[in-house]
C-alpha atoms as a PDB file:
ATOM      1  CA  UNK A   1      -8.141 -29.323 -19.038  1.00  0.00           C
ATOM      2  CA  UNK A   2      -6.507 -25.903 -18.500  1.00  0.00           C
ATOM      3  CA  UNK A   3      -9.849 -24.441 -17.350  1.00  0.00           C
ATOM      4  CA  UNK A   4     -10.372 -27.222 -14.805  1.00  0.00           C
ATOM      5  CA  UNK A   5      -6.832 -26.764 -13.462  1.00  0.00           C
ATOM      6  CA  UNK A   6      -7.281 -23.001 -13.252  1.00  0.00           C
ATOM      7  CA  UNK A   7     -10.579 -23.373 -11.406  1.00  0.00           C
ATOM      8  CA  UNK A   8      -9.097 -25.905  -8.994  1.00  0.00           C
ATOM      9  CA  UNK A   9      -6.113 -23.657  -8.195  1.00  0.00           C
ATOM     10  CA  UNK A  10      -8.390 -20.664  -7.656  1.00  0.00           C
ATOM     11  CA  UNK A  11     -10.621 -22.606  -5.244  1.00  0.00           C
ATOM     12  CA  UNK A  12      -7.594 -23.907  -3.312  1.00  0.00           C
ATOM     13  CA  UNK A  13      -6.201 -20.379  -3.005  1.00  0.00           C
ATOM     14  CA  UNK A  14      -9.491 -19.040  -1.631  1.00  0.00           C
ATOM     15  CA  UNK A  15      -9.925 -21.910   0.831  1.00  0.00           C
ATOM     16  CA  UNK A  16      -6.348 -21.557   2.090  1.00  0.00           C
ATOM     17  CA  UNK A  17      -6.910 -17.914   3.021  1.00  0.00           C
ATOM     18  CA  UNK A  18     -10.448 -18.065   4.407  1.00  0.00           C
ATOM     19  CA  UNK A  19      -9.807 -19.714   7.826  1.00  0.00           C
ATOM     20  CA  UNK A  20      -6.866 -17.432   8.627  1.00  0.00           C
ATOM     21  CA  UNK A  21      -8.873 -14.306   7.967  1.00  0.00           C
ATOM     22  CA  UNK A  22     -11.779 -15.531  10.113  1.00  0.00           C
ATOM     23  CA  UNK A  23      -9.431 -16.188  13.050  1.00  0.00           C
ATOM     24  CA  UNK A  24      -7.950 -12.672  12.853  1.00  0.00           C
ATOM     25  CA  UNK A  25     -11.410 -11.094  13.040  1.00  0.00           C
ATOM     26  CA  UNK A  26     -12.207 -13.114  16.182  1.00  0.00           C
ATOM     27  CA  UNK A  27      -9.118 -11.687  17.897  1.00  0.00           C
ATOM     28  CA  UNK A  28     -10.668  -8.237  17.874  1.00  0.00           C
ATOM     29  CA  UNK A  29      -9.286  -6.625  14.762  1.00  0.00           C
ATOM     30  CA  UNK A  30      -7.835  -7.350  11.390  1.00  0.00           C
ATOM     31  CA  UNK A  31      -4.068  -7.389  11.892  1.00  0.00           C
ATOM     32  CA  UNK A  32      -3.347  -8.715   8.395  1.00  0.00           C
ATOM     33  CA  UNK A  33      -2.093  -7.183   5.201  1.00  0.00           C
ATOM     34  CA  UNK A  34      -2.508  -7.867   1.499  1.00  0.00           C
ATOM     35  CA  UNK A  35      -0.469  -7.705  -1.679  1.00  0.00           C
ATOM     36  CA  UNK A  36      -1.738  -7.201  -5.178  1.00  0.00           C
ATOM     37  CA  UNK A  37      -0.394  -6.222  -8.539  1.00  0.00           C
ATOM     38  CA  UNK A  38      -0.248  -6.854 -12.245  1.00  0.00           C
ATOM     39  CA  UNK A  39       1.764  -9.415 -14.175  1.00  0.00           C
ATOM     40  CA  UNK A  40       2.910  -8.032 -17.521  1.00  0.00           C
ATOM     41  CA  UNK A  41       4.778  -9.494 -20.452  1.00  0.00           C
ATOM     42  CA  UNK A  42       7.657  -7.974 -22.415  1.00  0.00           C
ATOM     43  CA  UNK A  43       5.049  -5.911 -24.321  1.00  0.00           C
ATOM     44  CA  UNK A  44       3.839  -4.295 -21.034  1.00  0.00           C
ATOM     45  CA  UNK A  45       0.364  -5.851 -21.433  1.00  0.00           C
ATOM     46  CA  UNK A  46      -1.325  -7.792 -18.618  1.00  0.00           C
ATOM     47  CA  UNK A  47      -0.894 -11.556 -18.899  1.00  0.00           C
ATOM     48  CA  UNK A  48      -3.999 -13.660 -18.249  1.00  0.00           C
ATOM     49  CA  UNK A  49      -3.476 -17.093 -16.689  1.00  0.00           C
ATOM     50  CA  UNK A  50       0.021 -16.516 -15.315  1.00  0.00           C
ATOM     51  CA  UNK A  51       0.717 -18.389 -12.077  1.00  0.00           C
ATOM     52  CA  UNK A  52       1.718 -16.048  -9.242  1.00  0.00           C
ATOM     53  CA  UNK A  53       3.315 -17.804  -6.279  1.00  0.00           C
ATOM     54  CA  UNK A  54       3.538 -16.333  -2.793  1.00  0.00           C
ATOM     55  CA  UNK A  55       6.029 -18.065  -0.472  1.00  0.00           C
ATOM     56  CA  UNK A  56       5.964 -17.572   3.291  1.00  0.00           C
ATOM     57  CA  UNK A  57       9.685 -17.500   4.164  1.00  0.00           C
ATOM     58  CA  UNK A  58       9.021 -18.623   7.740  1.00  0.00           C
ATOM     59  CA  UNK A  59       6.871 -21.733   7.086  1.00  0.00           C
ATOM     60  CA  UNK A  60       7.841 -22.217   3.406  1.00  0.00           C
ATOM     61  CA  UNK A  61       4.120 -22.538   2.559  1.00  0.00           C
ATOM     62  CA  UNK A  62       3.388 -21.539  -1.046  1.00  0.00           C
ATOM     63  CA  UNK A  63       0.066 -20.113  -2.211  1.00  0.00           C
ATOM     64  CA  UNK A  64      -0.788 -19.676  -5.891  1.00  0.00           C
ATOM     65  CA  UNK A  65      -3.082 -17.394  -7.871  1.00  0.00           C
ATOM     66  CA  UNK A  66      -3.932 -17.420 -11.583  1.00  0.00           C
ATOM     67  CA  UNK A  67      -4.019 -13.906 -12.983  1.00  0.00           C
ATOM     68  CA  UNK A  68      -7.256 -12.428 -14.280  1.00  0.00           C
ATOM     69  CA  UNK A  69      -7.883 -11.198 -17.855  1.00  0.00           C
ATOM     70  CA  UNK A  70      -5.992  -7.965 -17.200  1.00  0.00           C
ATOM     71  CA  UNK A  71      -3.066  -9.744 -15.507  1.00  0.00           C
ATOM     72  CA  UNK A  72      -3.991  -8.822 -11.944  1.00  0.00           C
ATOM     73  CA  UNK A  73      -3.525 -10.933  -8.812  1.00  0.00           C
ATOM     74  CA  UNK A  74      -4.429 -10.523  -5.125  1.00  0.00           C
ATOM     75  CA  UNK A  75      -3.409 -12.225  -1.866  1.00  0.00           C
ATOM     76  CA  UNK A  76      -4.952 -11.251   1.464  1.00  0.00           C
ATOM     77  CA  UNK A  77      -4.796 -12.423   5.076  1.00  0.00           C
ATOM     78  CA  UNK A  78      -1.002 -12.102   5.205  1.00  0.00           C
ATOM     79  CA  UNK A  79       0.848 -11.821   8.497  1.00  0.00           C
ATOM     80  CA  UNK A  80       2.645  -8.499   9.032  1.00  0.00           C
ATOM     81  CA  UNK A  81       5.422 -10.393  10.887  1.00  0.00           C
ATOM     82  CA  UNK A  82       6.541 -12.545   7.950  1.00  0.00           C
ATOM     83  CA  UNK A  83       8.551 -11.911   4.777  1.00  0.00           C
ATOM     84  CA  UNK A  84       6.945 -13.204   1.577  1.00  0.00           C
ATOM     85  CA  UNK A  85       8.561 -13.958  -1.782  1.00  0.00           C
ATOM     86  CA  UNK A  86       6.519 -13.339  -4.944  1.00  0.00           C
ATOM     87  CA  UNK A  87       7.148 -14.607  -8.448  1.00  0.00           C
ATOM     88  CA  UNK A  88       5.144 -15.293 -11.605  1.00  0.00           C
ATOM     89  CA  UNK A  89       5.491 -17.704 -14.490  1.00  0.00           C
ATOM     90  CA  UNK A  90       3.860 -19.072 -17.600  1.00  0.00           C
ATOM     91  CA  UNK A  91       4.885 -21.982 -19.807  1.00  0.00           C
ATOM     92  CA  UNK A  92       7.574 -19.916 -21.576  1.00  0.00           C
ATOM     93  CA  UNK A  93       8.272 -16.927 -19.313  1.00  0.00           C
ATOM     94  CA  UNK A  94       9.072 -16.102 -15.687  1.00  0.00           C
ATOM     95  CA  UNK A  95       9.556 -13.060 -13.499  1.00  0.00           C
ATOM     96  CA  UNK A  96      12.250 -12.412 -10.987  1.00  0.00           C
ATOM     97  CA  UNK A  97      11.482 -12.910  -7.298  1.00  0.00           C
ATOM     98  CA  UNK A  98      10.328  -9.900  -5.286  1.00  0.00           C
ATOM     99  CA  UNK A  99      10.165  -9.751  -1.497  1.00  0.00           C
ATOM    100  CA  UNK A 100       7.393  -8.266   0.622  1.00  0.00           C
ATOM    101  CA  UNK A 101       9.332  -7.538   3.802  1.00  0.00           C
ATOM    102  CA  UNK A 102       7.978  -7.656   7.342  1.00  0.00           C
ATOM    103  CA  UNK A 103       9.505  -4.172   7.667  1.00  0.00           C
ATOM    104  CA  UNK A 104       7.123  -2.918   4.968  1.00  0.00           C
ATOM    105  CA  UNK A 105       4.244  -1.588   7.078  1.00  0.00           C
ATOM    106  CA  UNK A 106       1.757  -1.040   4.234  1.00  0.00           C
ATOM    107  CA  UNK A 107      -1.603  -2.759   4.852  1.00  0.00           C
ATOM    108  CA  UNK A 108      -2.113  -3.034   1.068  1.00  0.00           C
ATOM    109  CA  UNK A 109       1.137  -3.436  -0.852  1.00  0.00           C
ATOM    110  CA  UNK A 110       1.279  -3.212  -4.646  1.00  0.00           C
ATOM    111  CA  UNK A 111       3.959  -5.280  -6.347  1.00  0.00           C
ATOM    112  CA  UNK A 112       3.921  -5.626 -10.124  1.00  0.00           C
ATOM    113  CA  UNK A 113       5.763  -8.508 -11.781  1.00  0.00           C
ATOM    114  CA  UNK A 114       7.223  -8.528 -15.297  1.00  0.00           C
ATOM    115  CA  UNK A 115       7.699 -11.733 -17.261  1.00  0.00           C
ATOM    116  CA  UNK A 116      10.758 -12.380 -19.417  1.00  0.00           C
ATOM    117  CA  UNK A 117      11.121 -15.291 -21.833  1.00  0.00           C
ATOM    118  CA  UNK A 118      12.853 -18.324 -20.320  1.00  0.00           C
ATOM    119  CA  UNK A 119      15.744 -20.018 -22.052  1.00  0.00           C
ATOM    120  CA  UNK A 120      14.991 -23.420 -23.529  1.00  0.00           C
END
């Protein structure tokens, strides 16, 4: 069940980004940016299967990514004119929210997220 959910979320994430990136290339140049990083636990090891959420603060659209074996995630096709909020979670842990600002002019931003146990 977890594998099917993970696969479904991964496919949705890819399909959500694909049309936007194709449109940017038609406009005569790639005017997008990306963000990537690693999700780690309290032991500083990468966490596989953590859900990383990317929220567009203008449209409130949320995209999700399940981290790879080493805890890495990647979002591309992001507008340089929008702020994005990033956070990660698992069943028993969550990270704080980090913001990728529209004033951050990096084409490829790196933002690592650290999970802390959640209170029950």
